[in-house]
Amino acid sequence: MIDKDLQEKAKKVFKKYNLSLNEGINMLLRQIVKEKKLPLEAGKELKKAIEESRKGKVVAFKNTEELLKEIRK
């Protein structure tokens, strides 16, 4: 299921390029099929984080300040 908030934000971005949501998504899907990979290459750190999150190893923060404290360590 598509996140409704995310969908609305994406619509606004595509509208800047004179594209509907469907046209924008189709454009991205065509690129994925053509290149046989995602349009964004994930670095090692991101790939590791994705794998850990799939295994349930997720860190959560109560607010942005807590997140920033952790980042700045």
Protein backbone atom coordinates (compact mmCIF):
# COMPACT_ATOMS: atom_id res chain seq x y z
CA MET A 1 0.00 0.00 0.00
CA ILE A 2 1.26 3.49 -0.84
CA ASP A 3 1.73 5.96 1.99
CA LYS A 4 -0.83 8.73 1.27
CA ASP A 5 1.42 11.51 2.60
CA LEU A 6 4.32 10.27 0.49
CA GLN A 7 2.03 10.08 -2.54
CA GLU A 8 0.92 13.69 -2.13
CA LYS A 9 4.51 14.89 -1.75
CA ALA A 10 5.54 12.94 -4.86
CA LYS A 11 2.65 14.46 -6.82
CA LYS A 12 3.95 17.94 -5.98
CA VAL A 13 7.45 17.04 -7.17
CA PHE A 14 6.22 15.51 -10.41
CA LYS A 15 3.93 18.51 -10.99
CA LYS A 16 7.04 20.76 -11.03
CA TYR A 17 8.16 18.74 -14.06
CA ASN A 18 4.71 18.83 -15.65
CA LEU A 19 4.19 15.12 -14.97
CA SER A 20 1.29 13.31 -13.36
CA LEU A 21 1.98 10.84 -10.57
CA ASN A 22 1.35 7.95 -12.98
CA GLU A 23 3.71 9.40 -15.61
CA GLY A 24 6.44 9.92 -13.02
CA ILE A 25 6.12 6.43 -11.60
CA ASN A 26 6.08 4.90 -15.08
CA MET A 27 9.20 6.89 -15.96
CA LEU A 28 10.99 5.51 -12.88
CA LEU A 29 9.81 1.96 -13.60
CA ARG A 30 11.06 2.19 -17.19
CA GLN A 31 14.46 3.33 -15.95
CA ILE A 32 14.62 0.45 -13.45
CA VAL A 33 13.76 -2.08 -16.16
CA LYS A 34 16.19 -0.56 -18.67
CA GLU A 35 19.10 -0.36 -16.22
CA LYS A 36 18.15 -3.56 -14.34
CA LYS A 37 18.85 -1.77 -11.06
CA LEU A 38 17.38 0.87 -8.83
CA PRO A 39 17.96 4.46 -9.96
CA LEU A 40 19.73 5.18 -6.66
CA GLU A 41 22.76 3.13 -5.75
CA ALA A 42 22.86 2.35 -2.08
CA GLY A 43 26.24 2.61 -0.44
CA LYS A 44 27.62 -0.08 1.87
CA GLU A 45 26.30 1.65 4.98
CA LEU A 46 22.79 1.95 3.57
CA LYS A 47 22.78 -1.66 2.36
CA LYS A 48 23.86 -2.81 5.83
CA ALA A 49 21.15 -0.69 7.46
CA ILE A 50 18.49 -2.12 5.14
CA GLU A 51 19.53 -5.68 5.93
CA GLU A 52 19.56 -4.97 9.67
CA SER A 53 16.11 -3.38 9.54
CA ARG A 54 14.76 -6.44 7.72
CA LYS A 55 16.08 -8.56 10.58
CA GLY A 56 14.32 -6.33 13.10
CA LYS A 57 17.47 -4.54 14.26
CA VAL A 58 16.04 -1.03 14.17
CA VAL A 59 16.98 1.97 16.29
CA ALA A 60 14.14 4.35 17.08
CA PHE A 61 14.28 7.87 18.44
CA LYS A 62 11.58 9.79 20.29
CA ASN A 63 12.36 13.01 18.47
CA THR A 64 14.78 14.73 16.13
CA GLU A 65 16.96 16.03 18.96
CA GLU A 66 17.70 12.49 20.15
CA LEU A 67 18.57 11.47 16.61
CA LEU A 68 20.92 14.43 16.17
CA LYS A 69 22.66 13.66 19.49
CA GLU A 70 23.34 10.13 18.26
CA ILE A 71 24.60 11.33 14.89
CA ARG A 72 26.96 13.85 16.47
CA LYS A 73 28.63 11.24 18.74
